Protein backbone atom coordinates (compact mmCIF):
# COMPACT_ATOMS: atom_id res chain seq x y z
CA MET A 1 -1.71 -8.84 -4.24
CA ARG A 2 -3.81 -5.82 -5.18
CA GLU A 3 -1.98 -5.51 -8.51
CA ILE A 4 -2.52 -9.12 -9.59
CA LEU A 5 -6.16 -9.45 -8.48
CA PRO A 6 -7.64 -8.48 -11.88
CA VAL A 7 -5.82 -11.41 -13.51
CA ILE A 8 -6.35 -14.04 -10.82
CA GLY A 9 -9.93 -12.87 -10.36
CA GLY A 10 -10.47 -13.74 -14.03
CA TRP A 11 -8.97 -17.19 -13.49
CA TYR A 12 -11.27 -17.70 -10.51
CA ALA A 13 -14.34 -16.58 -12.47
CA ALA A 14 -13.41 -19.08 -15.20
CA ARG A 15 -13.15 -21.78 -12.49
CA ALA A 16 -9.50 -22.40 -13.41
CA PRO A 17 -7.45 -23.60 -10.39
CA PHE A 18 -4.32 -21.58 -9.65
CA GLY A 19 -1.50 -21.61 -7.12
CA LEU A 20 -1.17 -18.51 -4.95
CA ALA A 21 2.07 -17.78 -3.05
CA THR A 22 1.86 -14.98 -0.49
CA VAL A 23 4.63 -13.48 1.64
CA VAL A 24 3.44 -13.86 5.24
CA ALA A 25 6.64 -12.97 7.14
CA THR A 26 10.04 -11.41 6.47
CA SER A 27 13.27 -10.67 8.30
CA ARG A 28 16.32 -8.50 7.68
CA SER A 29 16.70 -7.15 4.14
CA ALA A 30 13.83 -9.03 2.54
CA PRO A 31 13.00 -7.60 -0.91
CA ARG A 32 9.21 -7.68 -0.57
CA HIS A 33 6.84 -7.04 2.32
CA PRO A 34 4.08 -9.25 3.78
CA GLY A 35 1.18 -9.38 1.36
CA ALA A 36 3.32 -9.50 -1.79
CA ALA A 37 2.06 -12.33 -3.97
CA MET A 38 2.75 -14.43 -7.04
CA ALA A 39 0.28 -16.71 -8.79
CA VAL A 40 0.64 -19.53 -11.30
CA GLY A 41 -2.44 -20.13 -13.39
CA PRO A 42 -3.69 -21.89 -16.52
CA GLY A 43 -1.02 -22.67 -19.06
CA ASP A 44 1.65 -21.94 -16.43
CA GLU A 45 1.01 -18.20 -16.73
CA VAL A 46 2.74 -16.30 -13.93
CA VAL A 47 1.75 -12.94 -12.44
CA GLY A 48 3.23 -11.07 -9.50
CA SER A 49 6.46 -11.43 -7.56
CA VAL A 50 7.52 -12.45 -4.06
CA SER A 51 11.24 -11.67 -4.12
CA GLY A 52 12.10 -9.60 -7.15
CA GLY A 53 13.47 -12.64 -8.97
CA CYS A 54 15.58 -14.51 -6.40
CA VAL A 55 13.26 -17.45 -5.65
CA GLU A 56 10.50 -17.16 -8.23
CA GLY A 57 11.65 -20.29 -10.07
CA ALA A 58 11.32 -22.42 -6.94
CA VAL A 59 7.98 -20.81 -6.05
CA PHE A 60 6.70 -21.56 -9.56
CA GLU A 61 7.36 -25.28 -9.00
CA LEU A 62 5.83 -25.15 -5.50
CA ALA A 63 2.67 -23.54 -6.83
CA ARG A 64 2.31 -26.21 -9.50
CA GLU A 65 2.80 -28.97 -6.91
CA VAL A 66 0.19 -27.42 -4.60
CA VAL A 67 -2.37 -27.18 -7.41
CA ALA A 68 -1.71 -30.81 -8.32
CA GLY A 69 -1.76 -32.09 -4.73
CA GLY A 70 -4.16 -29.71 -3.06
CA GLU A 71 -2.35 -29.27 0.28
CA ALA A 72 -1.11 -25.79 1.22
CA ARG A 73 2.62 -25.42 1.97
CA LEU A 74 4.55 -23.05 4.23
CA GLU A 75 8.10 -22.46 2.97
CA THR A 76 10.95 -20.21 4.10
CA PHE A 77 13.71 -18.93 1.81
CA GLY A 78 16.91 -17.32 3.05
CA TYR A 79 20.54 -16.82 2.12
CA SER A 80 22.83 -19.85 2.31
CA ASP A 81 26.51 -19.18 2.99
CA GLU A 82 27.34 -22.88 2.69
CA ASP A 83 25.93 -23.30 -0.80
CA ALA A 84 26.16 -20.25 -3.01
CA PHE A 85 24.16 -22.05 -5.69
CA ALA A 86 21.23 -22.90 -3.42
CA VAL A 87 17.87 -21.26 -4.04
CA GLY A 88 17.72 -18.25 -1.75
CA LEU A 89 17.82 -14.50 -1.34
CA THR A 90 21.06 -12.83 -2.35
CA CYS A 91 20.12 -9.78 -0.25
CA GLY A 92 20.69 -11.74 2.96
CA GLY A 93 17.09 -11.54 4.08
CA GLU A 94 14.49 -14.20 4.69
CA ILE A 95 10.90 -14.59 3.53
CA THR A 96 8.21 -17.06 4.56
CA LEU A 97 5.58 -17.95 1.97
CA LEU A 98 2.21 -19.60 2.19
CA VAL A 99 1.49 -21.41 -1.06
CA ARG A 100 -2.06 -22.63 -1.58
CA SER A 101 -4.39 -23.74 -4.32
CA VAL A 102 -7.37 -21.47 -4.99
CA THR A 103 -10.60 -22.80 -6.48
CA PRO A 104 -14.28 -21.95 -5.95
CA GLN A 105 -14.49 -25.08 -3.79
CA SER A 106 -11.47 -24.35 -1.59
CA ASP A 107 -12.15 -20.60 -1.25
CA PRO A 108 -15.81 -19.75 -1.99
CA SER A 109 -15.47 -16.08 -0.99
CA PHE A 110 -12.40 -15.27 -3.13
CA GLY A 111 -14.45 -13.78 -5.97
CA GLU A 112 -16.32 -11.47 -3.64
CA VAL A 113 -13.06 -10.38 -2.02
CA ALA A 114 -11.61 -9.53 -5.44
CA GLN A 115 -14.71 -7.50 -6.29
CA SER A 116 -14.49 -5.59 -2.99
CA VAL A 117 -10.83 -4.73 -3.53
CA ALA A 118 -11.51 -3.58 -7.09
CA ALA A 119 -14.37 -1.36 -5.86
CA GLY A 120 -12.30 0.10 -3.00
CA ARG A 121 -14.43 -1.54 -0.30
CA PRO A 122 -12.40 -2.52 2.80
CA VAL A 123 -11.91 -6.22 3.54
CA THR A 124 -9.40 -8.36 5.45
CA VAL A 125 -8.58 -11.94 4.48
CA ALA A 126 -7.48 -14.19 7.35
CA THR A 127 -5.61 -17.35 6.33
CA VAL A 128 -4.30 -20.15 8.56
CA THR A 129 -0.56 -20.63 8.00
CA ASP A 130 0.34 -23.08 10.77
CA GLY A 131 -1.04 -25.08 13.67
CA PRO A 132 -3.86 -27.58 14.25
CA ALA A 133 -6.35 -25.57 12.16
CA PRO A 134 -6.52 -26.44 8.42
CA ARG A 135 -3.58 -24.73 6.71
CA GLY A 136 -4.80 -22.49 3.91
CA ALA A 137 -8.33 -22.11 5.34
CA THR A 138 -9.61 -18.56 4.83
CA LEU A 139 -12.05 -16.20 6.50
CA ALA A 140 -13.02 -12.98 4.69
CA VAL A 141 -13.94 -10.17 7.07
CA TRP A 142 -15.79 -7.01 6.03
CA PRO A 143 -16.81 -4.26 8.48
CA ASP A 144 -20.34 -5.68 8.64
CA ARG A 145 -20.07 -9.39 7.84
CA VAL A 146 -17.82 -12.44 7.36
CA ALA A 147 -17.57 -15.35 4.91
CA GLY A 148 -15.75 -18.65 5.24
CA THR A 149 -14.29 -20.38 8.30
CA LEU A 150 -10.93 -21.23 9.81
CA GLY A 151 -12.27 -24.50 11.17
CA ALA A 152 -13.50 -23.58 14.68
CA PRO A 153 -16.30 -21.14 15.67
CA GLY A 154 -14.30 -19.66 18.55
CA LEU A 155 -11.31 -19.07 16.28
CA ASP A 156 -13.53 -17.38 13.70
CA VAL A 157 -14.95 -15.02 16.33
CA ALA A 158 -11.54 -14.00 17.71
CA VAL A 159 -9.95 -13.57 14.30
CA SER A 160 -12.94 -11.57 12.99
CA ALA A 161 -12.60 -9.06 15.82
CA ASP A 162 -8.85 -8.68 15.28
CA ALA A 163 -9.27 -8.48 11.51
CA ARG A 164 -11.61 -5.50 11.82
CA GLY A 165 -9.12 -3.77 14.09
CA GLU A 166 -6.28 -4.37 11.62
CA LEU A 167 -8.49 -3.20 8.76
CA ALA A 168 -9.10 0.12 10.50
CA LEU A 169 -5.31 0.58 10.65
CA GLY A 170 -4.63 -0.82 7.19
CA ALA A 171 -2.26 -3.32 8.86
CA THR A 172 -1.12 -6.71 7.57
CA GLY A 173 0.71 -9.41 9.53
CA LEU A 174 0.67 -12.62 11.58
CA ARG A 175 -1.43 -13.19 14.70
CA HIS A 176 -1.42 -16.16 17.09
CA TYR A 177 -4.30 -17.96 18.85
CA GLY A 178 -5.26 -21.11 20.66
CA PRO A 179 -7.17 -23.81 18.75
CA HIS A 180 -10.50 -22.20 19.69
CA GLY A 181 -9.43 -18.57 19.49
CA GLU A 182 -7.77 -18.25 22.91
CA ARG A 183 -5.94 -14.94 23.00
CA ARG A 184 -2.87 -15.87 25.04
CA GLU A 185 -1.93 -19.01 23.18
CA ASP A 186 0.06 -19.49 19.99
CA ALA A 187 -0.91 -22.92 18.67
CA VAL A 188 -2.52 -21.46 15.53
CA THR A 189 -0.86 -18.85 13.33
CA VAL A 190 -3.12 -16.71 11.13
CA PHE A 191 -2.06 -14.24 8.45
CA LEU A 192 -4.29 -11.13 8.38
CA HIS A 193 -4.10 -9.40 5.00
CA SER A 194 -5.89 -6.04 5.07
CA PHE A 195 -7.16 -4.44 1.88
CA ALA A 196 -7.96 -0.93 3.02
CA PRO A 197 -9.05 1.51 0.29
CA PRO A 198 -6.05 3.13 -1.45
CA PRO A 199 -4.76 6.28 0.23
CA ARG A 200 -5.68 9.58 -1.38
CA MET A 201 -3.44 12.10 -3.09
CA LEU A 202 -4.96 15.56 -3.45
CA VAL A 203 -3.16 17.75 -5.99
CA PHE A 204 -4.11 21.44 -6.14
CA GLY A 205 -3.28 23.49 -9.20
CA ALA A 206 -3.97 22.11 -12.70
CA ILE A 207 -0.58 22.91 -14.20
CA ASP A 208 1.95 20.75 -16.08
CA TYR A 209 3.66 19.86 -12.81
CA ALA A 210 0.32 18.65 -11.44
CA ALA A 211 -0.13 16.29 -14.38
CA ALA A 212 3.29 14.77 -13.71
CA VAL A 213 2.68 14.49 -9.95
CA ALA A 214 -0.75 12.94 -10.59
CA ARG A 215 0.82 10.40 -12.93
CA ILE A 216 3.45 9.29 -10.43
CA GLY A 217 0.89 9.32 -7.61
CA ASP A 218 -1.31 6.96 -9.59
CA PHE A 219 1.73 4.76 -10.26
CA LEU A 220 2.47 4.59 -6.51
CA GLY A 221 -1.06 3.39 -5.80
CA TYR A 222 -2.79 6.57 -4.61
CA ARG A 223 -6.33 7.52 -5.55
CA VAL A 224 -5.54 10.88 -7.13
CA THR A 225 -7.72 13.98 -7.34
CA VAL A 226 -6.63 17.20 -9.07
CA CYS A 227 -8.49 20.39 -8.11
CA ASP A 228 -8.31 23.89 -9.55
CA ALA A 229 -10.74 26.81 -9.63
CA ARG A 230 -9.91 27.52 -13.27
CA ALA A 231 -12.12 25.40 -15.51
CA VAL A 232 -10.00 26.11 -18.59
CA PHE A 233 -7.09 24.20 -16.99
CA ALA A 234 -8.94 21.61 -14.90
CA THR A 235 -10.01 19.32 -17.74
CA PRO A 236 -9.80 15.49 -17.68
CA GLN A 237 -7.99 15.47 -21.03
CA ARG A 238 -4.91 17.05 -19.43
CA PHE A 239 -4.48 14.34 -16.82
CA PRO A 240 -3.87 10.60 -16.69
CA ARG A 241 -6.81 8.30 -17.12
CA GLY A 242 -8.39 7.39 -13.81
CA VAL A 243 -7.41 10.67 -12.11
CA GLU A 244 -10.40 12.61 -10.79
CA VAL A 245 -10.48 16.26 -11.89
CA VAL A 246 -12.52 18.79 -9.89
CA VAL A 247 -13.30 22.44 -10.69
CA ASP A 248 -13.66 24.28 -7.37
CA TRP A 249 -11.84 26.69 -5.13
CA PRO A 250 -9.14 24.57 -3.49
CA HIS A 251 -9.88 25.50 0.13
CA ARG A 252 -13.61 24.97 -0.39
CA TYR A 253 -13.09 21.56 -1.95
CA LEU A 254 -10.71 20.47 0.82
CA SER A 255 -13.06 21.65 3.57
CA GLY A 256 -15.72 19.28 2.26
CA THR A 257 -13.37 16.33 1.68
CA ASP A 258 -12.43 13.65 4.20
CA THR A 259 -8.72 13.14 4.84
CA ASP A 260 -6.90 10.72 7.11
CA ASP A 261 -3.40 9.92 8.32
CA ARG A 262 -2.52 8.38 4.93
CA THR A 263 -3.62 11.34 2.78
CA VAL A 264 -1.03 13.21 0.70
CA ILE A 265 -1.71 16.87 -0.13
CA CYS A 266 0.37 18.60 -2.84
CA VAL A 267 -0.18 22.35 -3.29
CA LEU A 268 1.23 23.37 -6.67
CA THR A 269 -0.64 26.62 -7.28
CA HIS A 270 2.02 28.95 -5.73
CA ASP A 271 -0.50 31.80 -5.79
CA PRO A 272 -1.32 33.39 -2.40
CA LYS A 273 -5.02 33.73 -3.12
CA PHE A 274 -5.20 29.97 -3.50
CA ASP A 275 -2.34 28.83 -1.28
CA VAL A 276 -3.02 30.61 1.98
CA PRO A 277 -6.68 29.66 2.57
CA LEU A 278 -5.94 26.14 1.28
CA LEU A 279 -2.98 25.61 3.59
CA GLN A 280 -4.91 27.06 6.53
CA GLU A 281 -7.40 24.24 5.99
CA ALA A 282 -4.81 21.55 5.20
CA LEU A 283 -2.51 22.17 8.17
CA ARG A 284 -5.38 21.84 10.63
CA ARG A 285 -6.60 18.42 9.47
CA PRO A 286 -5.26 14.84 9.33
CA ALA A 287 -2.72 14.20 6.58
CA ALA A 288 0.50 12.23 6.19
CA TYR A 289 2.17 14.77 3.92
CA ILE A 290 1.51 18.41 3.02
CA GLY A 291 3.86 19.93 0.45
CA ALA A 292 3.75 23.28 -1.32
CA MET A 293 5.61 24.37 -4.45
CA GLY A 294 7.41 27.69 -4.78
CA SER A 295 10.71 29.54 -4.62
CA ARG A 296 12.45 30.48 -1.38
CA ARG A 297 10.92 33.94 -1.67
CA THR A 298 7.47 32.45 -2.23
CA HIS A 299 7.98 30.18 0.78
CA ASP A 300 8.99 33.07 3.06
CA ASP A 301 6.01 35.16 1.94
CA ARG A 302 3.69 32.17 2.37
CA MET A 303 4.94 31.46 5.91
CA LYS A 304 4.46 35.11 6.86
CA ARG A 305 0.89 35.11 5.56
CA LEU A 306 0.08 31.83 7.33
CA THR A 307 1.47 33.15 10.60
CA GLU A 308 -0.63 36.29 10.23
CA ALA A 309 -3.64 34.05 9.59
CA GLY A 310 -3.16 32.50 13.03
CA LEU A 311 -1.34 29.22 12.38
CA GLY A 312 1.04 28.17 15.15
CA GLU A 313 4.52 26.72 14.99
CA GLY A 314 3.28 23.15 15.45
CA GLU A 315 1.02 23.47 12.43
CA LEU A 316 3.59 25.24 10.26
CA THR A 317 6.27 22.59 10.90
CA ARG A 318 4.03 20.07 9.12
CA LEU A 319 4.49 21.95 5.84
CA ARG A 320 7.11 20.58 3.41
CA SER A 321 8.10 23.68 1.50
CA PRO A 322 9.67 24.12 -0.98
CA VAL A 323 8.23 20.76 -1.98
CA GLY A 324 10.40 17.75 -2.86
CA LEU A 325 13.96 16.51 -2.34
CA ASP A 326 16.98 18.27 -3.81
CA LEU A 327 17.54 16.26 -6.99
CA GLY A 328 18.34 19.20 -9.22
CA ALA A 329 14.98 18.64 -10.93
CA ARG A 330 13.95 20.97 -13.76
CA THR A 331 11.18 19.43 -15.89
CA PRO A 332 7.69 18.66 -14.55
CA GLU A 333 8.50 14.94 -14.65
CA GLU A 334 11.74 15.42 -12.74
CA VAL A 335 9.99 17.58 -10.14
CA ALA A 336 7.34 14.87 -9.77
CA VAL A 337 10.10 12.34 -9.03
CA SER A 338 11.54 14.65 -6.36
CA VAL A 339 8.11 15.05 -4.75
CA ALA A 340 7.50 11.30 -4.84
CA ALA A 341 10.96 10.70 -3.37
CA GLU A 342 10.17 12.98 -0.44
CA ILE A 343 6.84 11.24 0.17
CA VAL A 344 8.48 7.80 0.13
CA ALA A 345 11.35 8.96 2.36
CA LEU A 346 8.91 10.41 4.89
CA ARG A 347 6.84 7.25 4.89
CA TRP A 348 9.73 4.88 5.51
CA GLY A 349 12.05 7.14 7.49
CA GLY A 350 14.61 7.49 4.70
CA SER A 351 17.20 10.26 4.78
CA GLY A 352 17.39 10.99 1.05
CA THR A 353 21.15 10.37 1.24
CA PRO A 354 22.72 8.29 -1.57
CA LEU A 355 23.04 4.68 -0.39
CA THR A 356 26.72 4.72 -1.34
CA ALA A 357 27.22 7.25 1.49
CA THR A 358 25.36 5.23 4.14
CA ALA A 359 26.03 2.07 6.13
CA GLY A 360 23.90 -0.53 7.87
CA ALA A 361 20.50 -1.89 6.87
CA ILE A 362 19.07 -0.49 3.64
CA HIS A 363 15.43 -1.06 4.55
CA PRO A 364 14.03 0.39 7.83
CA ARG A 365 12.05 -2.06 9.94
CA GLY A 366 8.75 -0.26 9.46
CA PRO A 367 7.11 2.92 8.20
CA LYS A 368 7.50 6.17 10.10
CA SER A 369 4.06 7.21 8.92
CA ASP A 370 1.26 5.99 6.65
CA VAL A 371 2.00 8.26 3.67
């Protein structure tokens, strides 16, 4: 959804109705996760994807029907053994989609939600998917206010409280309530879609490898900052557009920067005068991933220095060093792929083993961490 908001936000601003299909539930080897979205707008323009191509044709027709008729639809697509030519997912998974029409009349707060997401301000959108409440009704919930209604004051109050809790965790998924917000009932199903600010990637060392890592970090959706004490190297011209470049001593910059359990820290300086004080700071604060570049000899020397600086075994085991998975990488771009692969594997609990050498489900049920 985040990726298609600039386009559908433009449609909304132009008061052009569009059909929005959102994945609200999945099972087994579904190709996309809850929150993935596809929209059909003016002139039958399509943006986004809900299945990677398996059911997009059917969803296109559904979206057009919903815009024409106005009533939201809840549809489930799965694999059909009986009819190999039926519309479905060839991966064997199952996805449930909410397809609704979006206009300024049906969703007055949509434009403000799009602006908040674009500006990195946290917001959760609650949408009724099933039950006696109006299907497709939305409630936008910010940390300090709400907009819209799900059709009952008690339901709005209960959902607002849960939405703020999910927003703090960056979580997205279905919740169940009674018609008036009763907690232990399941008559009404509501999809809570959290738009937490993008996680941060902090890259230290303004070298060619840093430019490649920053580029792939930006591609993966991180808000990337590159920091180096050497002003001659830390220039915006050397890095992708949109990447923040800071001239400061790495440990000093990190000590004054907030991190959380989704933050990725990549130390690419491989110089003890930068590395050691920086890693002392990094390994004692919240972060999902802390990786450091260097040879085996550099790693051994670094670990010795960190131990002498007072870091314990529990802190040192958080360090991924030498950084990246063993892909045989040589160029900066290849090394960046190996670093990104390690970050993704850590997030989802992947082993890094070729899939041809594994068995069982390809996709883990949930993330191991919030990298």
